[in-house]
Amino acid sequence: MKLHEYQAKEMLAKYGVPVNEGYVADTPDEAEEIARRIGKPVMIKAQVMMGGRGKAGGVKYSKDVAAARANADDILGRLLRNEQNPKGEVVKRVLVANAADIKKEYYLGATVDRGSKSIIVMGSAEGGVEIEQVAKENPDAIIKVSVDPRLGLLDFQARELAFGMGLGAHARDFTKIAKGLVQVLIDHDASLVEINPLALTGEDRIIALDAKMVLDDNGLFRQKWAEEMRDPAEEAESERQAREAGISFVKLDGNIGCMVNGAGLAMATMDTIKEYGGTPANFLDIGGGAREDKVEAALRIILSDPNVKAVLFNIFGGITRGDVVANGIVKVLGQMKPDVPMVVRLVGTNAEEGRRILEAANLPAAATLDEAAQKAVELATARD
């Protein structure tokens, strides 16, 4: 789950990270009022979940109140798009922030490294651009330290970053910022927190001018506050439906819809589809003990994808009963009456009863995963 810039900066500010003054506006009138209240030149910044906002026309300098209103009017409602996000995002709110006098820009970020089971904190004197670009073109410009999540960022590690980035003269202030950033990541189950740019101003202060924060979905059950910050407009409808139904779902670019119980089995199912020349349209795990309503919700999500040309069900009945899954499939098919061909593989608990239910509904059943995957690929290919 991603947070907007203004939300990430609010979170960092609570941990002592200095940020430039700014407020969110939904209308040009609100932007004008905020600019008047700040009383200085401001930046109008589109609040969308995409990089490269400035190049796409979503960030504009405003020298006075009139310019702030005009720029907000221009950005609000605009469809921003770029090479990384060709579909684009419509701007529904903007951040009106004090335009700092920037002397130099830096990058500071923290992310989880599963390989080393630690937090990696990265700093660079080349801020203001995508860190991926810096890593590719000048990897030596990035300083990294490994942090034990039980201890947080230690003072000597923060100073090591500060001097490596050329901020030795500001080591005390930088240490407070860096430690705050890492603690935000730890306390909120985030997978990424970054400040880009971290700016050295003409007043010789370092402040966060932009921020990004990504929460680990697996930790959201501990972060009840996060639901209030979720932006429904930034979430695909199918992902929203899956989340509300308690279904693990990831949309892919293929044409064979998959409904499977168990993450490992789902991965094996997708691999088998690829082995027979097909491409999966999604990863979908209904979990163990799935009831009819969850099966119905999962099938509706799969069939809502216009790219799906065939559906493969691979159900291993342990906790999940085959007859419950079969009833769920038949029920939703009776309601939706889709014209997409389907193949079902049912094994395990009550599998025979489930197969009888499917056969009565004229749904083909396969004895093995290989047989089911091969048949699904053939059906999808015939409809392309």
Protein backbone atom coordinates (compact mmCIF):
# COMPACT_ATOMS: atom_id res chain seq x y z
CA MET A 1 0.00 0.00 0.00
CA LYS A 2 1.43 3.37 -1.08
CA LEU A 3 0.97 6.66 0.71
CA HIS A 4 0.72 10.03 -1.00
CA GLU A 5 3.56 12.50 -0.58
CA TYR A 6 1.70 14.65 1.90
CA GLN A 7 0.82 11.60 4.02
CA ALA A 8 4.42 10.36 4.05
CA LYS A 9 5.71 13.80 5.03
CA GLU A 10 3.17 14.04 7.86
CA MET A 11 4.41 10.69 9.14
CA LEU A 12 8.06 11.74 8.99
CA ALA A 13 7.31 15.05 10.71
CA LYS A 14 5.93 13.14 13.72
CA TYR A 15 9.37 11.54 14.08
CA GLY A 16 11.24 14.82 14.07
CA VAL A 17 12.08 15.04 10.38
CA PRO A 18 11.84 18.69 9.25
CA VAL A 19 9.58 19.16 6.22
CA ASN A 20 8.61 22.27 4.29
CA GLU A 21 5.23 23.76 5.17
CA GLY A 22 2.42 22.50 2.96
CA TYR A 23 -1.29 21.68 2.85
CA VAL A 24 -3.56 19.68 0.57
CA ALA A 25 -6.11 21.34 -1.72
CA ASP A 26 -8.94 19.78 -3.71
CA THR A 27 -9.95 22.96 -5.57
CA PRO A 28 -8.23 26.07 -6.99
CA ASP A 29 -9.99 28.15 -4.33
CA GLU A 30 -8.43 26.08 -1.57
CA ALA A 31 -5.01 26.28 -3.25
CA GLU A 32 -5.32 30.06 -3.45
CA GLU A 33 -6.21 30.32 0.23
CA ILE A 34 -3.30 28.09 1.27
CA ALA A 35 -0.85 30.08 -0.85
CA ARG A 36 -2.10 33.30 0.77
CA ARG A 37 -1.68 31.76 4.23
CA ILE A 38 1.90 30.61 3.50
CA GLY A 39 2.71 34.07 2.17
CA LYS A 40 5.68 32.96 0.05
CA PRO A 41 6.24 31.42 -3.39
CA VAL A 42 4.82 27.88 -3.40
CA MET A 43 5.03 24.65 -5.36
CA ILE A 44 1.80 23.10 -6.65
CA LYS A 45 2.37 19.33 -6.66
CA ALA A 46 -0.03 16.71 -8.01
CA GLN A 47 -0.74 13.98 -5.45
CA VAL A 48 -0.62 10.85 -7.58
CA MET A 49 1.10 7.49 -7.15
CA MET A 50 3.49 7.83 -10.07
CA GLY A 51 7.06 8.94 -10.57
CA GLY A 52 8.15 11.70 -12.89
CA ARG A 53 5.32 14.05 -11.97
CA GLY A 54 7.36 17.11 -12.80
CA LYS A 55 8.19 15.96 -16.32
CA ALA A 56 4.52 15.11 -16.86
CA GLY A 57 3.44 18.63 -15.87
CA GLY A 58 2.29 17.80 -12.36
CA VAL A 59 4.67 20.06 -10.40
CA LYS A 60 4.71 23.83 -10.93
CA TYR A 61 6.40 26.78 -9.25
CA SER A 62 4.08 29.64 -8.29
CA LYS A 63 5.63 33.01 -7.51
CA ASP A 64 2.44 34.50 -6.04
CA VAL A 65 -1.13 33.73 -5.02
CA ALA A 66 -2.54 34.31 -8.50
CA ALA A 67 -0.03 31.92 -10.05
CA ALA A 68 -0.80 29.32 -7.37
CA ARG A 69 -4.49 29.43 -8.24
CA ALA A 70 -3.81 29.26 -11.98
CA ASN A 71 -1.40 26.33 -11.62
CA ALA A 72 -3.77 24.42 -9.32
CA ASP A 73 -6.57 24.98 -11.83
CA ASP A 74 -4.30 23.63 -14.58
CA ILE A 75 -3.15 20.53 -12.68
CA LEU A 76 -6.38 19.48 -10.93
CA GLY A 77 -8.37 17.15 -13.17
CA ARG A 78 -5.46 16.64 -15.55
CA LEU A 79 -4.53 13.16 -16.72
CA LEU A 80 -0.82 12.77 -16.03
CA ARG A 81 1.02 10.10 -17.97
CA ASN A 82 4.55 9.13 -18.91
CA GLU A 83 6.52 6.17 -20.25
CA GLN A 84 6.42 4.38 -16.89
CA ASN A 85 2.67 4.93 -16.57
CA PRO A 86 1.17 5.18 -20.08
CA LYS A 87 -2.41 4.82 -18.82
CA GLY A 88 -1.90 7.81 -16.58
CA GLU A 89 -3.59 9.04 -13.42
CA VAL A 90 -6.13 11.81 -12.96
CA VAL A 91 -5.10 14.43 -10.40
CA LYS A 92 -7.75 14.85 -7.70
CA ARG A 93 -5.75 16.83 -5.14
CA VAL A 94 -2.60 18.91 -5.00
CA LEU A 95 -0.10 19.74 -2.31
CA VAL A 96 0.55 23.47 -1.92
CA ALA A 97 3.99 23.65 -0.32
CA ASN A 98 6.45 26.38 0.53
CA ALA A 99 9.02 26.65 -2.28
CA ALA A 100 12.34 26.24 -0.51
CA ASP A 101 15.53 28.00 -1.53
CA ILE A 102 17.50 24.92 -2.57
CA LYS A 103 21.29 24.99 -2.44
CA LYS A 104 21.78 21.25 -3.11
CA GLU A 105 19.64 18.12 -3.32
CA TYR A 106 20.38 14.73 -1.74
CA TYR A 107 18.67 11.33 -1.56
CA LEU A 108 17.96 9.34 1.61
CA GLY A 109 15.97 6.13 1.76
CA ALA A 110 15.46 2.91 3.72
CA THR A 111 14.14 -0.41 2.51
CA VAL A 112 13.85 -4.00 3.72
CA ASP A 113 16.44 -6.44 2.40
CA ARG A 114 15.04 -9.92 2.85
CA GLY A 115 18.30 -11.57 1.81
CA SER A 116 20.30 -10.14 4.71
CA LYS A 117 17.25 -9.91 7.01
CA SER A 118 18.11 -6.30 7.66
CA ILE A 119 17.17 -2.77 6.71
CA ILE A 120 19.34 -1.12 4.08
CA VAL A 121 19.70 2.65 4.39
CA MET A 122 20.90 4.40 1.26
CA GLY A 123 22.18 7.92 0.84
CA SER A 124 23.44 9.83 -2.16
CA ALA A 125 24.66 13.32 -2.94
CA GLU A 126 22.82 12.97 -6.25
CA GLY A 127 19.25 13.67 -5.18
CA GLY A 128 16.28 14.97 -7.10
CA VAL A 129 16.42 12.18 -9.69
CA GLU A 130 15.30 8.56 -9.59
CA ILE A 131 17.66 6.54 -7.42
CA GLU A 132 17.42 3.66 -9.91
CA GLN A 133 18.98 5.93 -12.54
CA VAL A 134 21.81 6.89 -10.16
CA ALA A 135 22.39 3.22 -9.29
CA LYS A 136 22.66 2.35 -12.97
CA GLU A 137 24.80 5.24 -14.16
CA ASN A 138 26.92 5.95 -11.08
CA PRO A 139 26.61 3.19 -8.45
CA ASP A 140 29.56 4.54 -6.46
CA ALA A 141 27.46 7.63 -5.67
CA ILE A 142 25.24 5.56 -3.36
CA ILE A 143 26.36 4.88 0.21
CA LYS A 144 24.68 1.97 1.99
CA VAL A 145 24.59 0.78 5.59
CA SER A 146 22.92 -2.34 6.96
CA VAL A 147 20.68 -1.81 9.99
CA ASP A 148 19.49 -4.35 12.54
CA PRO A 149 15.70 -3.76 12.83
CA ARG A 150 15.86 -4.54 16.56
CA LEU A 151 18.29 -1.67 17.16
CA GLY A 152 17.38 0.87 14.52
CA LEU A 153 19.92 3.14 12.87
CA LEU A 154 22.84 3.76 15.23
CA ASP A 155 24.50 7.16 15.55
CA PHE A 156 27.82 6.09 14.06
CA GLN A 157 26.01 4.63 11.03
CA ALA A 158 24.15 7.89 10.49
CA ARG A 159 27.40 9.84 10.71
CA GLU A 160 28.99 7.46 8.22
CA LEU A 161 26.19 8.29 5.80
CA ALA A 162 26.43 12.02 6.48
CA PHE A 163 30.15 12.24 5.77
CA GLY A 164 29.86 9.94 2.75
CA MET A 165 27.21 12.22 1.27
CA GLY A 166 29.19 15.38 1.95
CA LEU A 167 26.97 16.49 4.81
CA GLY A 168 29.58 16.19 7.54
CA ALA A 169 29.03 19.78 8.61
CA HIS A 170 25.38 18.92 9.24
CA ALA A 171 25.99 15.50 10.81
CA ARG A 172 23.93 16.22 13.94
CA ASP A 173 20.82 17.33 12.04
CA PHE A 174 21.27 14.58 9.45
CA THR A 175 21.51 11.93 12.18
CA LYS A 176 18.16 13.01 13.61
CA ILE A 177 16.57 12.86 10.15
CA ALA A 178 18.07 9.50 9.20
CA LYS A 179 17.16 7.86 12.52
CA GLY A 180 13.63 9.21 12.26
CA LEU A 181 13.24 7.85 8.74
CA VAL A 182 14.39 4.37 9.74
CA GLN A 183 12.15 4.32 12.81
CA VAL A 184 9.14 5.28 10.67
CA LEU A 185 9.85 2.24 8.51
CA ILE A 186 10.21 -0.08 11.51
CA ASP A 187 7.21 1.16 13.49
CA HIS A 188 4.79 1.12 10.56
CA ASP A 189 5.71 -2.14 8.80
CA ALA A 190 6.87 -0.20 5.74
CA SER A 191 8.88 -1.81 2.96
CA LEU A 192 10.20 1.53 1.71
CA VAL A 193 10.56 5.07 3.07
CA GLU A 194 12.50 7.64 1.11
CA ILE A 195 13.16 11.36 0.98
CA ASN A 196 13.98 12.68 -2.47
CA PRO A 197 15.08 15.34 -2.43
CA LEU A 198 16.51 15.93 0.99
CA ALA A 199 17.48 19.54 0.45
CA LEU A 200 20.18 21.78 1.84
CA THR A 201 18.58 25.22 1.76
CA GLY A 202 19.99 28.70 1.38
CA GLU A 203 19.44 29.08 5.14
CA ASP A 204 21.86 26.16 5.64
CA ARG A 205 19.13 23.79 6.88
CA ILE A 206 18.37 20.31 5.64
CA ILE A 207 14.69 19.48 5.14
CA ALA A 208 12.58 16.87 3.37
CA LEU A 209 10.99 18.38 0.28
CA ASP A 210 9.41 15.17 -1.03
CA ALA A 211 8.75 11.77 0.51
CA LYS A 212 7.53 8.33 -0.44
CA MET A 213 6.28 5.54 1.79
CA VAL A 214 5.15 2.02 0.91
CA LEU A 215 3.56 -0.23 3.53
CA ASP A 216 3.95 -4.00 3.50
CA ASP A 217 0.48 -5.41 2.86
CA ASN A 218 1.32 -8.39 5.07
CA GLY A 219 1.66 -6.05 8.05
CA LEU A 220 -1.52 -4.03 7.54
CA PHE A 221 -3.40 -6.09 10.14
CA ARG A 222 -1.16 -4.39 12.71
CA GLN A 223 -1.50 -0.94 11.15
CA LYS A 224 -5.20 -0.18 11.59
CA TRP A 225 -4.60 3.53 10.96
CA ALA A 226 -3.50 2.81 7.39
CA GLU A 227 -7.02 2.04 6.17
CA GLU A 228 -8.01 5.65 6.76
CA MET A 229 -5.15 6.77 4.49
CA ARG A 230 -5.92 4.38 1.66
CA ASP A 231 -6.89 6.16 -1.55
CA PRO A 232 -9.53 4.05 -3.35
CA ALA A 233 -8.88 5.96 -6.58
CA GLU A 234 -5.31 4.63 -6.64
CA GLU A 235 -6.37 0.99 -6.33
CA ALA A 236 -7.59 -1.17 -9.21
CA GLU A 237 -11.20 -2.30 -8.80
CA SER A 238 -10.25 -5.97 -9.00
CA GLU A 239 -7.61 -5.51 -6.28
CA ARG A 240 -10.09 -3.68 -4.06
CA GLN A 241 -12.65 -6.47 -4.44
CA ALA A 242 -10.01 -9.12 -3.69
CA ARG A 243 -8.80 -7.27 -0.59
CA GLU A 244 -12.34 -6.89 0.76
CA ALA A 245 -13.07 -10.57 0.12
CA GLY A 246 -9.83 -11.71 1.79
CA ILE A 247 -8.40 -13.10 -1.45
CA SER A 248 -4.73 -12.95 -2.45
CA PHE A 249 -4.78 -11.55 -5.97
CA VAL A 250 -2.29 -10.08 -8.43
CA LYS A 251 -3.33 -9.11 -11.94
CA LEU A 252 -1.00 -10.23 -14.74
CA ASP A 253 -0.92 -9.70 -18.50
CA GLY A 254 -1.97 -13.15 -19.74
CA ASN A 255 -5.26 -14.60 -20.96
CA ILE A 256 -5.83 -17.65 -18.72
CA GLY A 257 -7.58 -16.88 -15.46
CA CYS A 258 -6.47 -18.98 -12.49
CA MET A 259 -8.34 -19.81 -9.29
CA VAL A 260 -6.28 -21.91 -6.90
CA ASN A 261 -6.23 -22.65 -3.17
CA GLY A 262 -2.74 -22.23 -1.78
CA ALA A 263 0.05 -19.85 -2.80
CA GLY A 264 2.52 -22.60 -3.68
CA LEU A 265 -0.05 -24.45 -5.76
CA ALA A 266 -0.95 -21.19 -7.48
CA MET A 267 2.69 -20.64 -8.46
CA ALA A 268 2.94 -24.22 -9.72
CA THR A 269 -0.26 -23.73 -11.72
CA MET A 270 1.10 -20.63 -13.42
CA ASP A 271 4.38 -22.40 -14.19
CA THR A 272 2.53 -25.32 -15.74
CA ILE A 273 0.45 -22.98 -17.90
CA LYS A 274 3.68 -21.37 -19.14
CA GLU A 275 5.16 -24.80 -19.80
CA TYR A 276 2.35 -25.54 -22.24
CA GLY A 277 2.77 -22.21 -24.03
CA GLY A 278 0.10 -20.19 -22.24
CA THR A 279 0.22 -17.05 -20.10
CA PRO A 280 -1.63 -16.66 -16.77
CA ALA A 281 -3.91 -13.63 -16.39
CA ASN A 282 -3.56 -13.52 -12.61
CA PHE A 283 -2.29 -14.99 -9.41
CA LEU A 284 -5.29 -15.81 -7.23
CA ASP A 285 -5.29 -17.80 -4.00
CA ILE A 286 -8.68 -18.31 -2.34
CA GLY A 287 -6.96 -19.85 0.69
CA GLY A 288 -7.93 -22.83 2.77
CA GLY A 289 -11.48 -23.39 3.93
CA ALA A 290 -12.93 -21.16 1.22
CA ARG A 291 -16.69 -20.78 1.41
CA GLU A 292 -19.06 -20.47 -1.52
CA ASP A 293 -19.16 -16.69 -1.21
CA LYS A 294 -15.37 -16.44 -1.49
CA VAL A 295 -15.31 -18.74 -4.50
CA GLU A 296 -18.03 -16.63 -6.07
CA ALA A 297 -16.12 -13.40 -5.38
CA ALA A 298 -12.92 -14.87 -6.84
CA LEU A 299 -14.64 -15.98 -10.03
CA ARG A 300 -16.26 -12.59 -10.48
CA ILE A 301 -12.87 -10.93 -10.17
CA ILE A 302 -11.34 -13.27 -12.76
CA LEU A 303 -14.20 -12.85 -15.24
CA SER A 304 -14.12 -9.05 -14.91
CA ASP A 305 -10.82 -9.08 -16.85
CA PRO A 306 -11.65 -8.72 -20.57
CA ASN A 307 -8.32 -10.36 -21.47
CA VAL A 308 -9.34 -13.69 -19.93
CA LYS A 309 -10.09 -16.24 -22.68
CA ALA A 310 -10.24 -19.34 -20.47
CA VAL A 311 -10.34 -20.13 -16.75
CA LEU A 312 -8.45 -22.88 -14.96
CA PHE A 313 -9.53 -24.02 -11.48
CA ASN A 314 -6.96 -26.04 -9.56
CA ILE A 315 -8.34 -27.04 -6.17
CA PHE A 316 -6.61 -29.39 -3.77
CA GLY A 317 -9.12 -30.29 -1.10
CA GLY A 318 -7.56 -30.35 2.32
CA ILE A 319 -9.34 -27.78 4.44
CA THR A 320 -11.18 -26.62 1.33
CA ARG A 321 -13.98 -29.00 0.33
CA GLY A 322 -14.34 -29.85 -3.34
CA ASP A 323 -18.14 -29.82 -3.25
CA VAL A 324 -18.18 -26.31 -1.72
CA VAL A 325 -15.91 -25.02 -4.47
CA ALA A 326 -17.98 -26.74 -7.14
CA ASN A 327 -21.22 -25.25 -5.77
CA GLY A 328 -19.63 -21.80 -5.74
CA ILE A 329 -18.53 -22.16 -9.36
CA VAL A 330 -21.91 -23.38 -10.54
CA LYS A 331 -23.74 -20.66 -8.62
CA VAL A 332 -21.80 -17.75 -10.06
CA LEU A 333 -21.87 -19.21 -13.56
CA GLY A 334 -25.63 -19.45 -13.32
CA GLN A 335 -25.80 -15.79 -12.35
CA MET A 336 -23.22 -14.36 -14.74
CA LYS A 337 -23.68 -16.73 -17.68
CA PRO A 338 -20.17 -16.06 -19.08
CA ASP A 339 -19.10 -17.35 -22.45
CA VAL A 340 -15.52 -18.05 -21.31
CA PRO A 341 -14.60 -21.78 -21.40
CA MET A 342 -13.45 -23.35 -18.13
CA VAL A 343 -11.43 -26.32 -17.00
CA VAL A 344 -11.55 -27.70 -13.46
CA ARG A 345 -9.12 -29.92 -11.61
CA LEU A 346 -10.48 -31.10 -8.26
CA VAL A 347 -8.64 -33.49 -5.95
CA GLY A 348 -8.79 -34.22 -2.24
CA THR A 349 -11.63 -33.79 0.24
CA ASN A 350 -15.06 -34.39 -1.35
CA ALA A 351 -13.47 -34.19 -4.80
CA GLU A 352 -15.68 -36.90 -6.27
CA GLU A 353 -18.84 -35.14 -5.11
CA GLY A 354 -17.47 -31.89 -6.48
CA ARG A 355 -16.77 -33.47 -9.87
CA ARG A 356 -20.32 -34.84 -10.01
CA ILE A 357 -21.67 -31.34 -9.37
CA LEU A 358 -19.50 -29.94 -12.16
CA GLU A 359 -20.37 -32.70 -14.62
CA ALA A 360 -24.07 -32.07 -14.00
CA ALA A 361 -23.42 -28.44 -14.96
CA ASN A 362 -21.54 -29.54 -18.14
CA LEU A 363 -18.16 -28.28 -16.88
CA PRO A 364 -15.15 -30.36 -17.98
CA ALA A 365 -13.01 -31.84 -15.22
CA ALA A 366 -9.36 -32.84 -15.55
CA ALA A 367 -7.60 -35.61 -13.64
CA THR A 368 -4.17 -33.95 -13.47
CA LEU A 369 -2.72 -30.43 -13.47
CA ASP A 370 -0.86 -31.10 -16.71
CA GLU A 371 -4.06 -32.16 -18.41
CA ALA A 372 -5.95 -29.15 -17.06
CA ALA A 373 -3.25 -26.66 -18.05
CA GLN A 374 -2.88 -28.09 -21.54
CA LYS A 375 -6.64 -27.97 -22.09
CA ALA A 376 -6.86 -24.37 -20.79
CA VAL A 377 -4.10 -23.25 -23.16
CA GLU A 378 -5.85 -24.90 -26.09
CA LEU A 379 -9.16 -23.22 -25.24
CA ALA A 380 -7.57 -19.80 -24.79
CA THR A 381 -5.58 -20.09 -28.01
CA ALA A 382 -8.71 -21.04 -29.96
CA ARG A 383 -10.45 -17.84 -28.80
CA ASP A 384 -7.60 -15.42 -29.58
